[in-house]
Amino acid sequence: MKYIFFVLFLTFMISCGNTSSKMGEHKNAAVIKLNKDDSGKTIELSVGNIFEITLAANNTAGYQWEISSINTSVLEKISEEYIPDNASQNIVGSGGKFVGKFKAVNIGNSALEMVYRRTFEKDVAPVKKFNINVLVK
């Protein structure tokens, strides 16, 4: 009986160790930083490279950055978050920034297009757009 518990415990510990190394994979890679000035540009990456896009945003007024086009066989969205400005936290109408992280997962090409709009206004043109072409070698 003790042997079964030992084997189960050992299996659990090994699987936890594998999960931790995969989760830490993104932390060790150098992150390429992009902003609004990079819109319209082409960036070249290698498989495994991570890039981060930081754009001004105002979620408290209902506006959000959304991905409108991405080739998911080439790029993977890792995360996205809205970070309110320090001076104006919790004040309706105050600004902040959108931060999105993406990873190059395969060789290929992807246009990454994002639009800034109120998600509930379906028939209204976006207020802003951001687009880059990503070439993964």
Protein backbone atom coordinates (compact mmCIF):
# COMPACT_ATOMS: atom_id res chain seq x y z
CA MET A 1 0.00 0.00 0.00
CA LYS A 2 2.82 2.40 0.88
CA TYR A 3 4.44 1.59 -2.46
CA ILE A 4 1.30 2.67 -4.38
CA PHE A 5 1.18 5.99 -2.53
CA PHE A 6 4.90 6.51 -3.14
CA VAL A 7 4.47 5.87 -6.90
CA LEU A 8 1.46 8.21 -7.07
CA PHE A 9 3.33 10.90 -5.14
CA LEU A 10 6.40 10.55 -7.36
CA THR A 11 4.26 10.74 -10.51
CA PHE A 12 2.54 13.85 -9.19
CA MET A 13 5.84 15.56 -8.37
CA ILE A 14 7.29 14.79 -11.80
CA SER A 15 4.21 16.18 -13.57
CA CYS A 16 4.32 19.34 -11.43
CA GLY A 17 7.96 19.83 -12.36
CA ASN A 18 7.16 19.55 -16.07
CA THR A 19 4.32 22.05 -15.80
CA SER A 20 6.49 24.58 -13.97
CA SER A 21 9.18 24.50 -16.63
CA LYS A 22 6.62 25.04 -19.40
CA MET A 23 5.03 27.92 -17.54
CA GLY A 24 8.42 29.57 -17.01
CA GLU A 25 9.29 29.21 -20.68
CA HIS A 26 7.93 32.69 -21.52
CA LYS A 27 9.74 34.39 -18.66
CA ASN A 28 13.23 33.49 -19.91
CA ALA A 29 12.79 34.70 -23.49
CA ALA A 30 13.74 38.27 -24.48
CA VAL A 31 10.56 40.21 -25.23
CA ILE A 32 10.45 42.57 -28.22
CA LYS A 33 8.54 45.74 -27.28
CA LEU A 34 6.25 47.48 -29.79
CA ASN A 35 3.98 50.52 -29.58
CA LYS A 36 1.76 52.72 -31.78
CA ASP A 37 4.81 53.98 -33.70
CA ASP A 38 5.39 50.44 -35.02
CA SER A 39 2.01 50.24 -36.75
CA GLY A 40 2.41 49.52 -40.45
CA LYS A 41 5.84 47.95 -40.04
CA THR A 42 7.12 44.44 -40.76
CA ILE A 43 8.97 42.65 -38.00
CA GLU A 44 11.10 39.53 -38.44
CA LEU A 45 11.16 36.89 -35.72
CA SER A 46 12.41 33.39 -35.08
CA VAL A 47 10.17 30.62 -33.83
CA GLY A 48 9.87 31.05 -30.06
CA ASN A 49 10.35 34.83 -30.04
CA ILE A 50 7.87 36.81 -27.97
CA PHE A 51 6.71 40.34 -28.65
CA GLU A 52 4.62 42.74 -26.61
CA ILE A 53 2.38 45.52 -27.93
CA THR A 54 1.55 48.45 -25.65
CA LEU A 55 -1.14 50.87 -26.79
CA ALA A 56 -3.05 53.70 -25.11
CA ALA A 57 -6.53 52.58 -24.10
CA ASN A 58 -9.56 53.62 -22.10
CA ASN A 59 -11.60 50.59 -21.09
CA THR A 60 -13.51 52.64 -18.51
CA ALA A 61 -15.24 54.45 -21.40
CA GLY A 62 -16.15 51.18 -23.11
CA TYR A 63 -13.31 51.12 -25.64
CA GLN A 64 -11.12 48.05 -26.09
CA TRP A 65 -8.41 46.80 -28.39
CA GLU A 66 -9.50 43.67 -30.26
CA ILE A 67 -7.64 41.39 -32.64
CA SER A 68 -9.39 41.60 -36.00
CA SER A 69 -6.92 39.46 -37.97
CA ILE A 70 -4.20 36.97 -37.00
CA ASN A 71 -2.77 33.80 -38.52
CA THR A 72 -2.95 31.49 -35.50
CA SER A 73 -0.78 28.87 -37.20
CA VAL A 74 2.11 31.40 -37.04
CA LEU A 75 1.31 33.55 -33.97
CA GLU A 76 -0.16 32.68 -30.60
CA LYS A 77 -1.69 35.25 -28.27
CA ILE A 78 -0.14 34.61 -24.84
CA SER A 79 -1.92 37.28 -22.84
CA GLU A 80 -3.61 40.64 -22.88
CA GLU A 81 -4.47 43.05 -20.10
CA TYR A 82 -5.66 46.56 -19.43
CA ILE A 83 -3.53 48.55 -17.01
CA PRO A 84 -5.13 51.77 -15.69
CA ASP A 85 -2.95 54.85 -15.24
CA ASN A 86 -1.72 55.09 -11.64
CA ALA A 87 -3.06 58.58 -11.05
CA SER A 88 -6.52 57.76 -12.33
CA GLN A 89 -7.32 54.25 -11.08
CA ASN A 90 -11.01 53.54 -10.57
CA ILE A 91 -12.14 56.82 -12.14
CA VAL A 92 -14.67 56.35 -14.96
CA GLY A 93 -13.37 57.84 -18.20
CA SER A 94 -9.73 57.73 -17.16
CA GLY A 95 -7.08 56.24 -19.39
CA GLY A 96 -4.62 53.43 -19.25
CA LYS A 97 -2.89 51.05 -21.60
CA PHE A 98 -3.49 47.77 -23.36
CA VAL A 99 -0.61 45.28 -23.18
CA GLY A 100 -0.76 42.19 -25.40
CA LYS A 101 1.88 39.47 -25.65
CA PHE A 102 2.28 37.19 -28.66
CA LYS A 103 4.59 34.31 -29.51
CA ALA A 104 5.92 33.16 -32.89
CA VAL A 105 5.01 29.46 -32.99
CA ASN A 106 5.73 28.43 -36.61
CA ILE A 107 7.60 29.59 -39.69
CA GLY A 108 5.38 31.73 -41.88
CA ASN A 109 3.75 35.12 -42.27
CA SER A 110 0.94 36.77 -40.34
CA ALA A 111 -0.72 40.10 -40.56
CA LEU A 112 -1.71 41.12 -37.04
CA GLU A 113 -4.48 43.69 -37.12
CA MET A 114 -6.11 45.22 -34.08
CA VAL A 115 -8.99 47.66 -33.82
CA TYR A 116 -9.90 50.02 -30.99
CA ARG A 117 -13.63 50.35 -30.55
CA ARG A 118 -16.58 49.84 -28.28
CA THR A 119 -17.41 46.16 -28.63
CA PHE A 120 -21.13 46.82 -28.26
CA GLU A 121 -21.16 49.22 -31.25
CA LYS A 122 -21.13 46.69 -34.09
CA ASP A 123 -21.93 49.04 -37.00
CA VAL A 124 -19.49 51.79 -36.03
CA ALA A 125 -16.02 52.08 -37.56
CA PRO A 126 -13.08 51.62 -35.17
CA VAL A 127 -11.64 54.77 -33.61
CA LYS A 128 -8.05 53.53 -34.10
CA LYS A 129 -6.25 50.69 -35.84
CA PHE A 130 -2.91 49.00 -35.29
CA ASN A 131 -1.36 46.59 -37.76
CA ILE A 132 1.96 44.88 -38.27
CA ASN A 133 3.21 42.20 -40.59
CA VAL A 134 5.11 39.43 -38.83
CA LEU A 135 7.57 37.29 -40.74
CA VAL A 136 8.73 34.22 -38.81
CA LYS A 137 11.86 32.52 -40.13
